[in-house]
Amino acid sequence: MNGHAEPVSGARRLRQMLSDPSKTVVAPGVYDGISTRIALAQGFDCLYMTGAGTSMSRLGMADLGLTTFVDMHQNASMIASINPSVPLIADADTGYGGPINVAHTVKSYARAGVAGLHIEDQVQEKRCGHLSGKLLVNRDIYYNRLRAACKARDESGSGIVIIARTDARAGKDSEGNGGFEEAAERLKGAAEVGVDALFFEAIQSEDEAKQVIEKLSGTKLPVLLNMVPGGRTPIITNSKANKIGFRIVIWPTMGLEAVVPALQGAYATLKKDDKSPEDQHVGPGALFETCGLKDLMAFDESVGGKAYQ
């Protein structure tokens, strides 16, 4: 015995956070080590790994279902490891196949320290939830995915939070089923399957957001709100989302929205002016400090290392 208390897992901490019905968990979108470090430095107590950001940063590709389980799992594992005490909710798309694949995804994410994940009802050839032309699987296939996720959660003993996402509001299945009512009914069915939270994608207005909470109130489950600037859902502040009744708010593209224009400007300046922008003088030391330079050096010294003195 080393005398140290057993650390609380991210999943357990997320469940603790969701146990207070007056609180709303706010999770900024992160997609790599740097964005994760910067979000943690701002004091956020939950993070969200964006699938769109993972696709763009790891593959250099738009969010059109090109990321595989391996891409997503490796990224989630790295992000969760930076500060295991801060819960990470991660995109898990469709679960990457049939029920066996979904179970493998859930157990793998849980072993990697991911606190929660969402599984959706799009077909395998999926796309960003705020793009048009989404195709859905039927309810039976969707519920099979969710049953597999819930069974894997229980078998693993991890307590990983399973979030059921539906894209039915702005998508249709092969029989033409879609729209607001279909989305609400799918999530009610998901609650009966045994998921832990609900994700109604592509809400069209603030009034509709209120209707979503009203429709799903009978499930007694936390409902997640997805905030994507320029997407289908108008921007609602975290405090207003809390008043409406949402228990989780994610901001997937926040980091990307900040980084892309900054990089475009910096690289354009180098091309045009033959040198870096005038305001770029942070320096290597300060840059590395955003990713834990002093802590790493202190650890080395604490065990007798002298390489970084």
Protein backbone atom coordinates (compact mmCIF):
# COMPACT_ATOMS: atom_id res chain seq x y z
CA MET A 1 0.00 0.00 0.00
CA ASN A 2 1.39 3.41 -0.89
CA GLY A 3 -0.98 5.42 1.28
CA HIS A 4 -2.43 7.37 -1.65
CA ALA A 5 -6.21 7.57 -2.11
CA GLU A 6 -7.59 5.86 -5.19
CA PRO A 7 -8.13 8.55 -7.85
CA VAL A 8 -11.71 9.17 -8.92
CA SER A 9 -12.25 8.09 -12.52
CA GLY A 10 -13.43 10.56 -15.13
CA ALA A 11 -16.64 8.58 -15.57
CA ARG A 12 -17.44 8.65 -11.87
CA ARG A 13 -16.66 12.36 -11.66
CA LEU A 14 -18.92 13.08 -14.65
CA ARG A 15 -21.73 11.12 -13.02
CA GLN A 16 -21.21 13.13 -9.83
CA MET A 17 -21.44 16.36 -11.83
CA LEU A 18 -24.66 15.21 -13.52
CA SER A 19 -26.21 14.13 -10.21
CA ASP A 20 -26.95 17.78 -9.31
CA PRO A 21 -30.07 18.71 -11.30
CA SER A 22 -29.41 22.43 -10.84
CA LYS A 23 -26.03 22.33 -12.57
CA THR A 24 -25.07 22.25 -16.25
CA VAL A 25 -21.79 20.68 -17.36
CA VAL A 26 -19.99 22.92 -19.88
CA ALA A 27 -17.43 21.27 -22.15
CA PRO A 28 -15.33 23.19 -24.70
CA GLY A 29 -14.31 21.32 -27.82
CA VAL A 30 -10.71 20.08 -27.97
CA TYR A 31 -9.03 18.09 -30.71
CA ASP A 32 -5.31 17.72 -29.89
CA GLY A 33 -2.82 18.10 -27.08
CA ILE A 34 -2.37 21.85 -27.38
CA SER A 35 -6.09 22.68 -27.41
CA THR A 36 -6.57 20.33 -24.45
CA ARG A 37 -3.81 21.97 -22.42
CA ILE A 38 -5.16 25.46 -23.13
CA ALA A 39 -8.73 24.50 -22.18
CA LEU A 40 -7.54 22.88 -18.96
CA ALA A 41 -5.52 25.99 -18.09
CA GLN A 42 -8.75 28.01 -18.25
CA GLY A 43 -10.18 25.85 -15.48
CA PHE A 44 -12.89 23.92 -17.33
CA ASP A 45 -14.02 20.89 -15.35
CA CYS A 46 -15.09 18.86 -18.41
CA LEU A 47 -13.84 18.60 -22.00
CA TYR A 48 -15.36 17.41 -25.27
CA MET A 49 -13.36 15.68 -27.99
CA THR A 50 -14.83 16.78 -31.30
CA GLY A 51 -14.99 14.28 -34.15
CA ALA A 52 -14.87 17.12 -36.67
CA GLY A 53 -11.74 18.51 -35.04
CA THR A 54 -10.18 15.07 -34.90
CA SER A 55 -10.83 14.57 -38.62
CA MET A 56 -9.43 17.99 -39.50
CA SER A 57 -6.37 17.88 -37.24
CA ARG A 58 -5.35 14.23 -37.65
CA LEU A 59 -6.35 13.62 -41.27
CA GLY A 60 -6.61 17.09 -42.78
CA MET A 61 -10.08 16.10 -43.96
CA ALA A 62 -13.59 17.51 -43.58
CA ASP A 63 -16.00 15.74 -41.21
CA LEU A 64 -17.50 13.25 -43.67
CA GLY A 65 -17.04 9.99 -41.78
CA LEU A 66 -13.41 9.44 -42.79
CA THR A 67 -12.09 8.92 -39.27
CA THR A 68 -11.87 5.31 -38.14
CA PHE A 69 -12.17 3.77 -34.69
CA VAL A 70 -8.36 3.80 -34.47
CA ASP A 71 -8.15 7.54 -35.25
CA MET A 72 -10.81 8.44 -32.70
CA HIS A 73 -9.65 6.05 -29.98
CA GLN A 74 -6.02 7.14 -30.18
CA ASN A 75 -6.98 10.80 -30.01
CA ALA A 76 -9.42 10.29 -27.12
CA SER A 77 -6.85 8.25 -25.21
CA MET A 78 -4.19 10.95 -25.56
CA ILE A 79 -6.56 13.76 -24.57
CA ALA A 80 -7.97 11.87 -21.57
CA SER A 81 -4.45 11.10 -20.30
CA ILE A 82 -3.37 14.74 -20.00
CA ASN A 83 -5.46 15.26 -16.88
CA PRO A 84 -7.41 12.10 -15.97
CA SER A 85 -9.25 13.92 -13.17
CA VAL A 86 -11.08 16.12 -15.69
CA PRO A 87 -13.85 14.15 -17.45
CA LEU A 88 -13.67 13.84 -21.23
CA ILE A 89 -16.82 13.31 -23.31
CA ALA A 90 -15.85 11.98 -26.74
CA ASP A 91 -17.57 11.59 -30.08
CA ALA A 92 -17.91 7.91 -31.00
CA ASP A 93 -19.90 8.44 -34.21
CA THR A 94 -21.94 5.31 -35.05
CA GLY A 95 -19.81 3.01 -32.91
CA TYR A 96 -17.88 1.96 -36.05
CA GLY A 97 -19.94 -1.04 -37.12
CA GLY A 98 -22.50 -3.49 -35.76
CA PRO A 99 -23.24 -4.29 -32.10
CA ILE A 100 -19.95 -6.15 -31.57
CA ASN A 101 -18.02 -3.15 -32.91
CA VAL A 102 -20.02 -0.78 -30.71
CA ALA A 103 -19.25 -2.85 -27.63
CA HIS A 104 -15.55 -2.88 -28.54
CA THR A 105 -15.62 0.89 -28.98
CA VAL A 106 -17.26 1.47 -25.59
CA LYS A 107 -14.90 -0.84 -23.71
CA SER A 108 -11.85 0.61 -25.47
CA TYR A 109 -12.89 4.20 -24.76
CA ALA A 110 -13.53 3.26 -21.13
CA ARG A 111 -10.09 1.65 -20.74
CA ALA A 112 -8.57 4.80 -22.24
CA GLY A 113 -10.12 6.89 -19.45
CA VAL A 114 -12.92 8.51 -21.47
CA ALA A 115 -15.75 9.55 -19.15
CA GLY A 116 -18.61 9.58 -21.65
CA LEU A 117 -19.32 9.04 -25.34
CA HIS A 118 -22.20 9.48 -27.75
CA ILE A 119 -23.52 6.97 -30.28
CA GLU A 120 -25.70 8.23 -33.14
CA ASP A 121 -28.28 6.90 -35.59
CA GLN A 122 -26.65 7.91 -38.88
CA VAL A 123 -25.63 5.29 -41.43
CA GLN A 124 -21.95 4.32 -41.50
CA GLU A 125 -21.36 6.78 -44.40
CA LYS A 126 -22.01 9.62 -42.00
CA ARG A 127 -21.28 13.34 -41.91
CA CYS A 128 -21.22 16.35 -39.58
CA GLY A 129 -24.56 16.76 -37.80
CA HIS A 130 -24.93 20.32 -39.07
CA LEU A 131 -24.62 19.42 -42.76
CA SER A 132 -27.56 18.56 -45.01
CA GLY A 133 -28.41 15.20 -46.53
CA LYS A 134 -27.95 12.97 -43.49
CA LEU A 135 -29.19 9.40 -43.82
CA LEU A 136 -30.31 7.42 -40.79
CA VAL A 137 -30.58 3.78 -39.86
CA ASN A 138 -34.00 2.56 -38.72
CA ARG A 139 -34.96 2.51 -35.07
CA ASP A 140 -34.22 -1.21 -34.62
CA ILE A 141 -30.61 -0.84 -35.76
CA TYR A 142 -30.21 2.32 -33.67
CA TYR A 143 -31.50 0.62 -30.53
CA ASN A 144 -29.29 -2.41 -31.17
CA ARG A 145 -26.29 -0.06 -31.17
CA LEU A 146 -27.43 1.47 -27.90
CA ARG A 147 -28.14 -1.89 -26.26
CA ALA A 148 -24.63 -2.99 -27.21
CA ALA A 149 -23.19 0.22 -25.74
CA CYS A 150 -25.11 -0.16 -22.48
CA LYS A 151 -24.20 -3.84 -22.12
CA ALA A 152 -20.53 -3.03 -22.73
CA ARG A 153 -20.73 -0.25 -20.12
CA ASP A 154 -22.16 -2.67 -17.57
CA GLU A 155 -19.78 -5.53 -18.40
CA SER A 156 -16.75 -3.25 -18.18
CA GLY A 157 -17.76 -1.90 -14.78
CA SER A 158 -16.38 1.44 -15.87
CA GLY A 159 -19.53 3.50 -15.47
CA ILE A 160 -18.74 5.29 -18.73
CA VAL A 161 -21.66 7.60 -19.55
CA ILE A 162 -23.57 6.48 -22.65
CA ILE A 163 -25.19 9.37 -24.53
CA ALA A 164 -27.72 8.56 -27.25
CA ARG A 165 -27.60 11.02 -30.14
CA THR A 166 -30.20 11.29 -32.88
CA ASP A 167 -29.82 13.17 -36.16
CA ALA A 168 -33.47 12.65 -37.10
CA ARG A 169 -34.37 16.34 -36.79
CA ALA A 170 -32.40 17.12 -39.97
CA GLY A 171 -32.16 13.64 -41.46
CA LYS A 172 -34.30 10.73 -42.65
CA ASP A 173 -34.11 6.94 -42.72
CA SER A 174 -34.73 4.81 -45.83
CA GLU A 175 -38.51 4.94 -45.27
CA GLY A 176 -38.57 8.73 -45.04
CA ASN A 177 -38.93 8.91 -41.26
CA GLY A 178 -37.45 12.08 -39.83
CA GLY A 179 -38.21 15.45 -38.28
CA PHE A 180 -38.81 16.78 -34.79
CA GLU A 181 -41.33 14.18 -33.61
CA GLU A 182 -39.29 11.28 -34.96
CA ALA A 183 -36.20 12.59 -33.18
CA ALA A 184 -38.07 12.95 -29.89
CA GLU A 185 -39.54 9.44 -30.16
CA ARG A 186 -36.14 7.94 -30.95
CA LEU A 187 -34.66 9.47 -27.82
CA LYS A 188 -37.58 8.33 -25.68
CA GLY A 189 -36.92 4.82 -26.95
CA ALA A 190 -33.22 5.26 -26.24
CA ALA A 191 -34.06 6.10 -22.63
CA GLU A 192 -35.97 2.86 -22.34
CA VAL A 193 -32.95 0.95 -23.64
CA GLY A 194 -30.95 2.23 -20.67
CA VAL A 195 -28.68 5.05 -21.85
CA ASP A 196 -27.47 7.71 -19.42
CA ALA A 197 -28.12 10.93 -21.36
CA LEU A 198 -29.79 12.21 -24.54
CA PHE A 199 -28.48 14.30 -27.44
CA PHE A 200 -31.01 15.92 -29.81
CA GLU A 201 -28.85 17.13 -32.71
CA ALA A 202 -29.54 20.18 -34.93
CA ILE A 203 -32.18 21.95 -32.83
CA GLN A 204 -33.57 24.72 -35.07
CA SER A 205 -34.47 27.53 -32.62
CA GLU A 206 -34.52 28.54 -28.98
CA ASP A 207 -38.24 27.79 -28.82
CA GLU A 208 -37.55 24.33 -30.22
CA ALA A 209 -34.86 23.84 -27.59
CA LYS A 210 -37.53 24.42 -24.94
CA GLN A 211 -39.81 21.95 -26.72
CA VAL A 212 -37.05 19.34 -26.68
CA ILE A 213 -36.72 19.61 -22.90
CA GLU A 214 -40.48 19.44 -22.50
CA LYS A 215 -40.76 16.38 -24.77
CA LEU A 216 -37.97 14.52 -23.01
CA SER A 217 -38.75 15.52 -19.43
CA GLY A 218 -40.51 12.22 -18.79
CA THR A 219 -37.27 10.29 -19.32
CA LYS A 220 -35.66 11.97 -16.28
CA LEU A 221 -32.32 11.84 -18.14
CA PRO A 222 -29.84 14.69 -18.70
CA VAL A 223 -30.19 16.30 -22.13
CA LEU A 224 -27.16 17.63 -24.05
CA LEU A 225 -27.13 20.82 -26.13
CA ASN A 226 -24.67 21.10 -29.04
CA MET A 227 -23.48 24.65 -29.75
CA VAL A 228 -21.91 25.06 -33.20
CA PRO A 229 -21.52 28.69 -34.35
CA GLY A 230 -22.84 29.00 -37.89
CA GLY A 231 -24.65 25.66 -37.61
CA ARG A 232 -28.36 24.88 -37.50
CA THR A 233 -28.82 25.75 -33.81
CA PRO A 234 -28.78 29.41 -32.73
CA ILE A 235 -26.24 30.25 -30.05
CA ILE A 236 -27.65 29.93 -26.54
CA THR A 237 -25.51 30.95 -23.56
CA ASN A 238 -24.59 28.36 -20.98
CA SER A 239 -26.65 30.13 -18.32
CA LYS A 240 -29.73 30.26 -20.56
CA ALA A 241 -29.25 26.61 -21.51
CA ASN A 242 -29.25 25.82 -17.80
CA LYS A 243 -32.50 27.74 -17.29
CA ILE A 244 -34.13 25.94 -20.22
CA GLY A 245 -33.15 22.63 -18.65
CA PHE A 246 -30.09 21.32 -20.53
CA ARG A 247 -27.63 19.47 -18.31
CA ILE A 248 -24.66 19.32 -20.69
CA VAL A 249 -23.52 21.95 -23.22
CA ILE A 250 -20.72 21.15 -25.66
CA TRP A 251 -18.93 23.68 -27.90
CA PRO A 252 -17.19 21.38 -30.43
CA THR A 253 -15.73 23.86 -32.92
CA MET A 254 -14.70 26.68 -30.56
CA GLY A 255 -11.00 25.88 -30.75
CA LEU A 256 -11.08 25.39 -34.51
CA GLU A 257 -12.90 28.71 -34.99
CA ALA A 258 -10.07 30.44 -33.11
CA VAL A 259 -7.13 28.57 -34.61
CA VAL A 260 -7.97 28.46 -38.33
CA PRO A 261 -8.17 32.26 -38.88
CA ALA A 262 -5.04 32.76 -36.74
CA LEU A 263 -3.02 30.26 -38.79
CA GLN A 264 -4.36 31.64 -42.06
CA GLY A 265 -3.25 35.12 -41.04
CA ALA A 266 0.19 34.06 -39.82
CA TYR A 267 1.03 31.97 -42.88
CA ALA A 268 -0.32 34.65 -45.21
CA THR A 269 1.99 37.18 -43.53
CA LEU A 270 5.02 34.92 -44.02
CA LYS A 271 4.15 34.51 -47.70
CA LYS A 272 3.49 38.21 -48.26
CA ASP A 273 6.04 39.93 -45.98
CA ASP A 274 8.84 37.36 -46.08
CA LYS A 275 8.86 37.01 -42.26
CA SER A 276 6.68 36.10 -39.32
CA PRO A 277 4.03 38.54 -38.02
CA GLU A 278 5.32 41.38 -35.86
CA ASP A 279 3.26 40.28 -32.88
CA GLN A 280 4.79 36.78 -32.79
CA HIS A 281 7.36 36.92 -30.01
CA VAL A 282 6.14 34.40 -27.43
CA GLY A 283 9.31 32.31 -27.70
CA PRO A 284 9.95 28.57 -27.32
CA GLY A 285 10.02 28.58 -23.51
CA ALA A 286 6.59 30.15 -23.15
CA LEU A 287 5.19 27.97 -25.93
CA PHE A 288 6.45 24.80 -24.24
CA GLU A 289 5.08 26.00 -20.90
CA THR A 290 1.55 25.80 -22.33
CA CYS A 291 2.25 22.05 -22.53
CA GLY A 292 3.68 21.52 -19.05
CA LEU A 293 7.38 22.39 -19.42
CA LYS A 294 7.94 23.38 -15.75
CA ASP A 295 6.02 20.39 -14.39
CA LEU A 296 8.01 17.98 -16.55
CA MET A 297 11.32 19.55 -15.50
CA ALA A 298 10.28 19.48 -11.84
CA PHE A 299 9.43 15.78 -12.08
CA ASP A 300 12.82 15.02 -13.61
CA GLU A 301 14.57 16.90 -10.79
CA SER A 302 12.42 15.20 -8.11
CA VAL A 303 13.79 11.76 -9.05
CA GLY A 304 17.42 12.91 -9.26
CA GLY A 305 17.53 13.91 -12.90
CA LYS A 306 19.89 16.71 -13.93
CA ALA A 307 19.24 16.88 -17.68
CA TYR A 308 17.09 20.00 -17.53
CA GLN A 309 18.80 22.04 -14.83
